[in-house]
Protein backbone atom coordinates (compact mmCIF):
# COMPACT_ATOMS: atom_id res chain seq x y z
CA MET A 1 -7.77 -17.40 5.04
CA ASN A 2 -4.67 -15.38 5.80
CA ARG A 3 -5.50 -11.72 6.24
CA ARG A 4 -3.76 -8.79 4.61
CA PHE A 5 -3.59 -5.47 6.41
CA GLU A 6 -2.99 -2.82 3.75
CA PRO A 7 -6.02 -0.47 3.81
CA GLU A 8 -7.68 -1.61 0.57
CA ALA A 9 -6.85 -5.31 1.06
CA PHE A 10 -8.10 -5.19 4.66
CA ALA A 11 -11.41 -3.68 3.54
CA ARG A 12 -11.69 -6.24 0.73
CA ASP A 13 -11.19 -9.14 3.15
CA ALA A 14 -13.86 -7.74 5.47
CA ASP A 15 -16.32 -7.43 2.58
CA LEU A 16 -15.54 -10.99 1.55
CA ALA A 17 -16.14 -12.30 5.06
CA HIS A 18 -19.47 -10.47 5.34
CA THR A 19 -20.57 -11.74 1.94
CA LEU A 20 -19.72 -15.33 2.83
CA LYS A 21 -21.52 -15.06 6.15
CA ALA A 22 -24.64 -13.81 4.38
CA VAL A 23 -24.81 -17.05 2.35
CA GLY A 24 -24.08 -19.28 5.33
CA VAL A 25 -20.34 -19.80 4.88
CA GLU A 26 -18.23 -19.50 8.01
CA CYS A 27 -15.06 -17.49 7.38
CA HIS A 28 -11.95 -17.45 9.61
CA GLY A 29 -9.13 -14.97 9.09
CA PHE A 30 -5.58 -15.50 10.39
CA ASN A 31 -2.34 -13.54 10.43
CA ALA A 32 0.60 -15.17 8.66
CA SER A 33 2.25 -12.21 6.94
CA LEU A 34 3.30 -10.34 10.09
CA LEU A 35 4.77 -11.15 13.48
CA ALA A 36 1.73 -9.66 15.20
CA LYS A 37 -1.66 -8.45 14.07
CA PRO A 38 -1.78 -4.65 13.71
CA GLY A 39 -3.53 -3.09 16.66
CA THR A 40 -2.24 -5.66 19.16
CA VAL A 41 1.10 -3.93 19.89
CA LEU A 42 0.24 -0.69 21.64
CA SER A 43 1.84 1.66 24.12
CA GLY A 44 0.95 1.73 27.81
CA ALA A 45 -1.58 4.41 26.91
CA GLY A 46 -3.21 2.08 24.39
CA LYS A 47 -1.99 4.05 21.39
CA PRO A 48 0.06 3.01 18.32
CA TYR A 49 3.80 3.39 18.65
CA ARG A 50 5.32 6.16 16.55
CA VAL A 51 8.93 5.40 17.52
CA PHE A 52 10.65 2.22 16.39
CA THR A 53 12.74 1.08 19.38
CA PRO A 54 9.92 0.89 21.97
CA PHE A 55 7.74 -0.76 19.31
CA MET A 56 10.41 -3.41 18.73
CA LYS A 57 10.82 -4.11 22.45
CA ALA A 58 7.08 -4.48 22.92
CA LEU A 59 6.65 -6.63 19.82
CA LEU A 60 9.45 -9.08 20.59
CA GLN A 61 7.97 -9.72 24.04
CA THR A 62 4.85 -11.10 22.35
CA LEU A 63 6.63 -13.69 20.18
CA PRO A 64 6.61 -17.35 21.19
CA GLU A 65 9.96 -19.12 21.31
CA ARG A 66 8.90 -21.68 18.72
CA PRO A 67 5.77 -22.82 16.85
CA ALA A 68 3.01 -24.28 19.00
CA THR A 69 2.47 -27.13 16.53
CA PRO A 70 4.56 -28.54 13.68
CA ALA A 71 3.59 -27.91 10.10
CA PRO A 72 1.55 -30.73 8.51
CA ASP A 73 3.27 -33.06 6.08
CA THR A 74 0.41 -32.69 3.60
CA VAL A 75 -2.59 -30.45 3.20
CA ILE A 76 -5.83 -31.84 1.83
CA VAL A 77 -7.46 -29.39 -0.56
CA PRO A 78 -10.65 -29.65 -2.59
CA ALA A 79 -10.37 -30.44 -6.26
CA GLY A 80 -10.24 -27.29 -8.34
CA PRO A 81 -11.73 -26.59 -11.76
CA ASP A 82 -9.85 -27.38 -14.92
CA SER A 83 -7.14 -24.82 -15.48
CA ASP A 84 -5.00 -23.58 -18.32
CA ASP A 85 -1.29 -24.26 -18.43
CA ILE A 86 0.17 -20.92 -17.43
CA ASP A 87 2.93 -21.25 -20.05
CA ALA A 88 0.20 -21.23 -22.68
CA TRP A 89 -0.64 -17.65 -21.74
CA ALA A 90 2.77 -16.52 -23.07
CA LEU A 91 3.23 -14.05 -20.22
CA HIS A 92 7.02 -14.11 -20.34
CA PRO A 93 8.34 -10.75 -21.60
CA SER A 94 10.01 -10.50 -24.98
CA SER A 95 11.39 -7.79 -27.26
CA PRO A 96 13.20 -7.27 -24.96
CA ASP A 97 13.14 -9.91 -22.23
CA TRP A 98 13.61 -7.57 -19.30
CA SER A 99 13.33 -10.40 -16.77
CA GLN A 100 16.58 -12.17 -17.66
CA GLY A 101 18.49 -10.50 -14.84
CA PHE A 102 15.92 -11.30 -12.15
CA ASP A 103 17.74 -13.31 -9.49
CA TRP A 104 14.61 -14.66 -7.84
CA THR A 105 12.86 -18.03 -7.91
CA PRO A 106 9.23 -17.59 -6.75
CA GLY A 107 7.70 -20.11 -4.39
CA GLU A 108 8.16 -21.66 -0.96
CA ALA A 109 11.01 -23.91 -2.10
CA GLY A 110 12.87 -20.90 -3.48
CA ALA A 111 12.33 -18.97 -0.25
CA THR A 112 13.60 -21.86 1.88
CA ALA A 113 16.71 -22.21 -0.29
CA VAL A 114 17.48 -18.49 -0.04
CA LEU A 115 17.09 -18.58 3.75
CA SER A 116 19.46 -21.54 4.01
CA VAL A 117 22.13 -19.81 1.91
CA PHE A 118 21.77 -16.60 3.90
CA ILE A 119 22.19 -18.29 7.28
CA LYS A 120 25.17 -20.29 6.05
CA ASN A 121 27.04 -17.57 4.16
CA ALA A 122 25.99 -14.11 5.31
CA LEU A 123 24.27 -14.06 8.71
CA GLY A 124 27.55 -14.39 10.61
CA ASP A 125 28.74 -10.98 9.35
CA TYR A 126 25.35 -9.40 8.76
CA ALA A 127 25.74 -6.25 10.86
CA VAL A 128 28.68 -5.09 8.72
CA GLY A 129 28.21 -7.01 5.49
CA ARG A 130 24.66 -5.75 4.91
CA ASP A 131 26.10 -2.32 4.06
CA ILE A 132 28.51 -3.52 1.36
CA PRO A 133 26.69 -3.52 -1.99
CA GLY A 134 29.51 -5.32 -3.78
CA ARG A 135 29.03 -8.40 -1.59
CA ARG A 136 26.10 -10.80 -1.39
CA SER A 137 25.57 -10.13 2.30
CA THR A 138 21.88 -9.31 2.58
CA SER A 139 19.16 -11.92 2.92
CA ARG A 140 17.36 -11.24 -0.40
CA LEU A 141 14.24 -12.64 1.26
CA SER A 142 12.10 -9.53 0.77
CA PRO A 143 10.28 -10.76 -2.38
CA HIS A 144 9.43 -14.03 -0.67
CA LEU A 145 8.13 -12.18 2.38
CA HIS A 146 6.03 -9.86 0.27
CA PHE A 147 4.35 -12.67 -1.65
CA GLY A 148 3.77 -14.82 1.43
CA GLU A 149 6.17 -17.56 0.39
CA ILE A 150 7.83 -17.54 3.80
CA SER A 151 6.64 -16.14 7.11
CA PRO A 152 8.52 -13.58 9.22
CA ARG A 153 8.10 -15.83 12.25
CA SER A 154 9.94 -18.65 10.52
CA LEU A 155 12.80 -16.24 9.78
CA VAL A 156 13.03 -15.15 13.41
CA TRP A 157 12.99 -18.74 14.64
CA ALA A 158 15.61 -19.80 12.07
CA VAL A 159 18.17 -17.11 12.91
CA ARG A 160 17.59 -17.50 16.65
CA ALA A 161 18.19 -21.22 16.29
CA SER A 162 21.43 -20.55 14.42
CA ALA A 163 22.58 -18.27 17.23
CA SER A 164 21.55 -20.64 20.02
CA GLN A 165 23.46 -23.45 18.33
CA GLY A 166 26.60 -21.32 18.24
CA HIS A 167 26.78 -20.92 14.48
CA VAL A 168 26.54 -17.13 14.61
CA ALA A 169 26.87 -14.49 17.30
CA PRO A 170 23.54 -13.51 18.90
CA ALA A 171 24.19 -9.87 17.95
CA GLN A 172 24.16 -10.80 14.26
CA ALA A 173 20.83 -12.59 14.59
CA ASP A 174 19.41 -9.66 16.58
CA LYS A 175 20.46 -7.22 13.86
CA PHE A 176 18.61 -9.21 11.22
CA ILE A 177 15.55 -9.57 13.46
CA ALA A 178 15.54 -5.78 13.91
CA GLU A 179 15.23 -5.45 10.13
CA ILE A 180 12.26 -7.83 10.13
CA VAL A 181 10.70 -5.76 12.90
CA TRP A 182 11.24 -2.55 10.89
CA ARG A 183 9.13 -4.15 8.15
CA GLU A 184 6.56 -4.91 10.84
CA PHE A 185 6.68 -1.35 12.15
CA SER A 186 5.89 -0.08 8.65
CA ALA A 187 2.93 -2.45 8.26
CA HIS A 188 1.44 -1.50 11.63
CA LEU A 189 1.83 2.21 10.89
CA LEU A 190 0.11 2.00 7.52
CA HIS A 191 -2.76 -0.04 8.94
CA GLN A 192 -3.30 2.42 11.78
CA PHE A 193 -2.60 5.58 9.74
CA PRO A 194 -3.78 4.69 6.21
CA PHE A 195 -3.43 8.27 4.96
CA MET A 196 0.37 7.94 4.94
CA SER A 197 0.37 6.21 1.55
CA GLU A 198 -0.86 9.47 0.04
CA ARG A 199 0.51 12.23 2.23
CA ALA A 200 3.15 12.89 4.84
CA PHE A 201 2.87 11.15 8.19
CA ARG A 202 4.10 14.39 9.78
CA PRO A 203 1.53 16.82 8.33
CA GLU A 204 3.80 19.87 8.32
CA PHE A 205 5.84 18.18 5.58
CA ASP A 206 2.90 18.39 3.19
CA ALA A 207 3.83 22.04 2.72
CA MET A 208 7.25 21.16 1.29
CA PRO A 209 7.85 23.20 -1.91
CA TRP A 210 8.90 20.25 -4.07
CA ARG A 211 10.51 21.06 -7.43
CA ARG A 212 9.15 20.18 -10.84
CA ASP A 213 12.08 18.61 -12.64
CA PRO A 214 11.04 16.09 -15.31
CA GLU A 215 14.55 15.91 -16.78
CA GLY A 216 16.11 15.28 -13.39
CA LEU A 217 13.53 12.62 -12.58
CA THR A 218 14.23 10.85 -15.88
CA ALA A 219 17.99 10.99 -15.30
CA TRP A 220 17.47 9.49 -11.84
CA LYS A 221 15.23 6.69 -13.11
CA SER A 222 17.63 5.76 -15.90
CA GLY A 223 20.83 5.88 -13.84
CA MET A 224 22.29 8.92 -15.59
CA THR A 225 22.74 11.45 -12.76
CA GLY A 226 26.53 11.58 -13.00
CA TYR A 227 26.93 10.18 -9.47
CA PRO A 228 28.22 6.60 -9.91
CA LEU A 229 26.77 5.01 -6.76
CA VAL A 230 23.33 6.48 -7.48
CA ASP A 231 23.46 5.43 -11.11
CA ALA A 232 24.69 1.92 -10.27
CA GLY A 233 21.76 1.44 -7.91
CA MET A 234 19.17 2.63 -10.41
CA ARG A 235 20.62 0.42 -13.12
CA GLU A 236 20.66 -2.57 -10.79
CA LEU A 237 16.99 -1.90 -10.04
CA TRP A 238 16.05 -1.77 -13.72
CA ALA A 239 18.05 -4.86 -14.65
CA THR A 240 17.13 -7.09 -11.70
CA GLY A 241 14.00 -5.70 -10.03
CA TRP A 242 15.96 -5.39 -6.80
CA MET A 243 18.40 -2.96 -5.21
CA HIS A 244 20.82 -3.23 -2.31
CA ASN A 245 19.51 -1.77 0.95
CA ARG A 246 22.32 0.74 1.54
CA VAL A 247 22.04 1.98 -2.03
CA ARG A 248 18.26 2.33 -1.73
CA MET A 249 18.82 4.92 1.01
CA VAL A 250 21.40 6.78 -1.07
CA VAL A 251 19.29 6.96 -4.24
CA ALA A 252 16.20 7.96 -2.25
CA SER A 253 18.09 10.70 -0.47
CA PHE A 254 19.44 11.92 -3.81
CA LEU A 255 15.95 12.25 -5.28
CA VAL A 256 14.29 14.05 -2.38
CA LYS A 257 17.21 16.10 -1.08
CA HIS A 258 19.59 16.66 -3.99
CA LEU A 259 16.94 17.04 -6.69
CA PHE A 260 14.26 18.09 -4.20
CA ILE A 261 11.62 16.02 -5.98
CA ASP A 262 8.56 14.75 -4.09
CA TRP A 263 9.18 11.42 -2.35
CA ARG A 264 5.94 10.12 -3.91
CA GLU A 265 7.61 10.14 -7.32
CA GLY A 266 10.31 7.83 -6.01
CA GLU A 267 7.83 5.65 -4.15
CA ALA A 268 5.82 5.20 -7.34
CA TRP A 269 8.92 4.24 -9.36
CA PHE A 270 10.01 1.70 -6.77
CA TRP A 271 6.47 0.29 -6.71
CA ASP A 272 6.63 -0.21 -10.47
CA THR A 273 10.11 -1.74 -10.62
CA LEU A 274 10.85 -3.68 -7.41
CA VAL A 275 10.02 -7.38 -7.22
CA ASP A 276 9.73 -6.92 -3.44
CA ALA A 277 7.56 -3.79 -3.66
CA ASP A 278 5.56 -3.77 -0.45
CA LEU A 279 3.15 -0.90 0.08
CA ALA A 280 3.84 -0.31 3.78
CA SER A 281 7.62 -0.72 3.60
CA ASN A 282 7.89 1.34 0.42
CA VAL A 283 5.87 4.25 1.81
CA GLN A 284 7.47 4.19 5.24
CA ASN A 285 11.04 3.96 3.93
CA TRP A 286 10.57 6.82 1.48
CA GLN A 287 9.02 8.97 4.19
CA TRP A 288 11.87 8.01 6.53
CA VAL A 289 14.41 9.36 4.06
CA ALA A 290 12.32 12.46 3.34
CA GLY A 291 12.08 13.19 7.08
CA SER A 292 8.29 13.16 7.01
CA GLY A 293 7.69 9.69 8.44
CA ALA A 294 7.39 8.20 11.90
CA ASP A 295 10.76 8.04 13.66
CA ALA A 296 12.22 9.48 10.46
CA ALA A 297 15.80 10.43 9.74
CA PRO A 298 16.58 13.97 10.97
CA TYR A 299 16.02 16.57 8.28
CA PHE A 300 19.73 17.47 8.18
CA ARG A 301 20.79 13.91 7.26
CA ILE A 302 21.64 14.13 3.58
CA PHE A 303 23.64 11.25 2.17
CA ASN A 304 26.70 12.33 0.18
CA PRO A 305 26.75 9.88 -2.75
CA VAL A 306 30.50 10.30 -3.22
CA THR A 307 31.53 9.57 0.37
CA GLN A 308 28.94 6.79 0.60
CA GLY A 309 30.53 5.15 -2.42
CA GLU A 310 34.04 5.58 -1.06
CA LYS A 311 33.05 4.11 2.29
CA PHE A 312 30.90 1.17 1.24
CA ASP A 313 32.28 0.37 -2.23
CA PRO A 314 35.94 1.38 -1.86
CA ALA A 315 37.23 -1.09 -4.44
CA GLY A 316 34.42 -0.23 -6.82
CA HIS A 317 33.09 -3.76 -7.28
CA TYR A 318 29.48 -2.60 -7.25
CA VAL A 319 29.90 0.50 -9.43
CA ARG A 320 32.04 -1.29 -12.01
CA ARG A 321 29.48 -4.07 -12.33
CA TRP A 322 26.61 -1.73 -13.17
CA ILE A 323 28.48 1.10 -14.91
CA PRO A 324 30.86 -0.60 -17.32
CA GLU A 325 31.76 2.71 -18.97
CA LEU A 326 33.69 3.59 -15.77
CA ARG A 327 35.27 0.18 -15.35
CA ALA A 328 38.82 1.28 -16.26
CA LEU A 329 38.79 4.34 -14.00
CA PRO A 330 41.13 4.01 -10.97
CA ASP A 331 39.54 3.59 -7.54
CA ARG A 332 40.69 7.05 -6.48
CA TRP A 333 38.44 8.74 -9.04
CA LEU A 334 35.70 6.17 -9.49
CA HIS A 335 33.05 7.75 -7.25
CA ALA A 336 33.69 11.30 -8.48
CA PRO A 337 34.92 10.98 -12.08
CA TRP A 338 34.50 14.71 -12.75
CA THR A 339 37.41 15.36 -10.36
CA ALA A 340 39.82 13.13 -12.28
CA PRO A 341 42.56 14.75 -14.41
CA GLY A 342 41.91 14.77 -18.12
CA THR A 343 44.76 12.34 -18.77
CA VAL A 344 43.28 9.82 -16.31
CA LEU A 345 39.87 10.07 -17.94
CA SER A 346 41.36 9.70 -21.39
CA GLU A 347 43.36 6.61 -20.44
CA ALA A 348 40.20 5.05 -18.95
CA GLY A 349 38.20 5.80 -22.09
CA VAL A 350 35.86 8.16 -20.22
CA LYS A 351 34.59 11.32 -21.89
CA LEU A 352 32.35 13.19 -19.49
CA GLY A 353 29.16 14.36 -21.10
CA TYR A 354 29.45 11.69 -23.80
CA THR A 355 30.34 8.24 -22.46
CA TYR A 356 29.15 9.14 -18.94
CA PRO A 357 27.21 12.23 -17.78
CA ARG A 358 28.53 15.05 -15.70
CA PRO A 359 26.71 15.52 -12.34
CA ILE A 360 23.25 16.93 -12.95
CA VAL A 361 23.43 18.82 -9.66
CA ASP A 362 26.23 20.09 -7.42
CA HIS A 363 26.24 18.30 -4.08
CA SER A 364 27.09 21.32 -1.92
CA GLN A 365 24.55 23.60 -3.57
CA ALA A 366 21.81 20.96 -3.50
CA ARG A 367 22.51 20.20 0.15
CA ALA A 368 22.29 23.88 1.09
CA ARG A 369 19.00 24.26 -0.82
CA ALA A 370 17.46 21.23 0.87
CA LEU A 371 18.63 22.22 4.34
CA GLU A 372 17.10 25.67 3.99
CA ALA A 373 13.68 24.32 3.01
CA LEU A 374 13.78 21.49 5.52
CA LYS A 375 14.77 23.87 8.30
CA VAL A 376 11.63 25.92 7.68
CA VAL A 377 9.42 22.84 7.82
CA SER A 378 11.19 21.56 10.92
CA SER A 379 10.66 24.89 12.69
CA ARG A 380 6.95 24.70 11.86
CA SER A 381 6.92 21.25 13.42
CA ARG A 382 8.46 22.58 16.64
CA ASP A 383 6.03 25.50 16.72
CA GLY A 384 3.12 23.12 16.24
CA GLU A 385 4.30 20.86 19.03
CA GLN A 386 4.72 23.83 21.36
CA ASN A 387 1.16 24.90 20.59
CA GLY A 388 -0.08 21.38 21.18
CA VAL A 389 -1.41 21.00 17.64
CA PHE A 390 -0.30 19.59 14.32
CA MET A 391 -0.47 21.92 11.37
CA ARG A 392 -2.08 20.80 8.13
CA GLU A 393 -1.44 22.61 4.86
CA GLY A 394 -2.30 21.72 1.29
CA ILE A 395 -0.29 19.02 -0.45
CA VAL A 396 2.15 20.41 -3.00
CA ARG A 397 2.36 17.95 -5.87
CA PRO A 398 5.42 17.76 -8.13
C-alpha cells in the first residue's frame, strides 16, 4: 500500500499493518505521495530542517534522474465484490448545484491532461505568470496531487525533461520544482511536528491576542470586505473550490493581519471549501502568512490588498470576472472604489454600501494594530532565543 504521513493517517496505517500481521498477512508500505519519506531528509546534525532553502537543497540531492523501472502496461487486481453504480447514490449536489463551476476532472487521465496543458502553455513563463490571477498560468495540479492521481516525482521528471529538451528555460522548471518542494517541506514538518495543525509552530505566537469578530469573518468568507482583490478571491473559492496562489496569500494576510482573526479560522474555511485542501500545506501556508510557522514570512510583511491588485491585476481581468458589480468601474479606481469620485461611481452603476460594500477596515489603521501586536510577540521570540528556551503560553482562541 502507499503510505500517508499526516499524523492520524500515519497512525491508522500502522494499526492496519499490525492487525494484518497478527492474522498472517504480510503488509508492505511505500511512499508515492511525496518526493521523499518524512524523516529521511535531515540536517547534518540529524534533525528536521526548519528552514526551506537548505531543506530543498538536501531533498533534491536525493532524487533519481528518472524512474528505475517503467510503469506496467496493465495491473492485475483481484476480483472485487459486487458494487453499486455510484450515480445511483445521487451524490451530485442540487438546490443549488454548487459544483457547476468546479474546473477539475478527477482521476489519473485528468491529471495527465492538466500536466500536458501546463507544460505546453504556462511553464515557459511560470516564474512571472504564476503571480497573475487573471491568466491561466499556474499548474492547477494541486487537487490531483492531494488525491494521489499523479505523483510529485512524475511532475519533477516531466518539467526537467521539458527543460532538457529546450522547450522551456531551466529556471522556469526550477521555479515550479521549488513549489513542489514547498509542498514537501510542509508535509515533512507536519509529520515531524504534528502539534502544528492545532497550535503555532513558533510557540510564542500562541499568546497572540486574536480578535473575536464574527461579522468580519462572515464578510471575509462571503467576499464582502470592500477590498476587490480579497473579495474576488473569496468568491472564486466559493464558486470553483480553488483560488489562485497569489490571491490566497493576500486573502490570508487580510484575515490574520487586517482583521486580526486567528489563522485557524481561515485554515478551517479553506479546509472546507478547497478541492485541493491538503492538511500539511494548508496548515503550513496559513502559519507562514501569520508569521508563526517554520521559515515564516517576517511579522512586518502585511500585504496591501490595493497595491497587490494594482500590481498583479492592473487591467482588472480577475476582479471584473468575480465582482461583476464593479465591472464598469475604470481601471484607475477598480482596486479602491471608495476613492473614486461620486460621478465616476454613478456612471459605473456603483453605490457603495448598497451594490458593493465599503471597506470593513481601514488598511493603515489595521496595519498599525497588527504591527504593534506582532512586534510584542516577535520581541518575546528574541528574548526566548537569547535565554536558550522557547516560551509556551496558553492558546488564545477566537
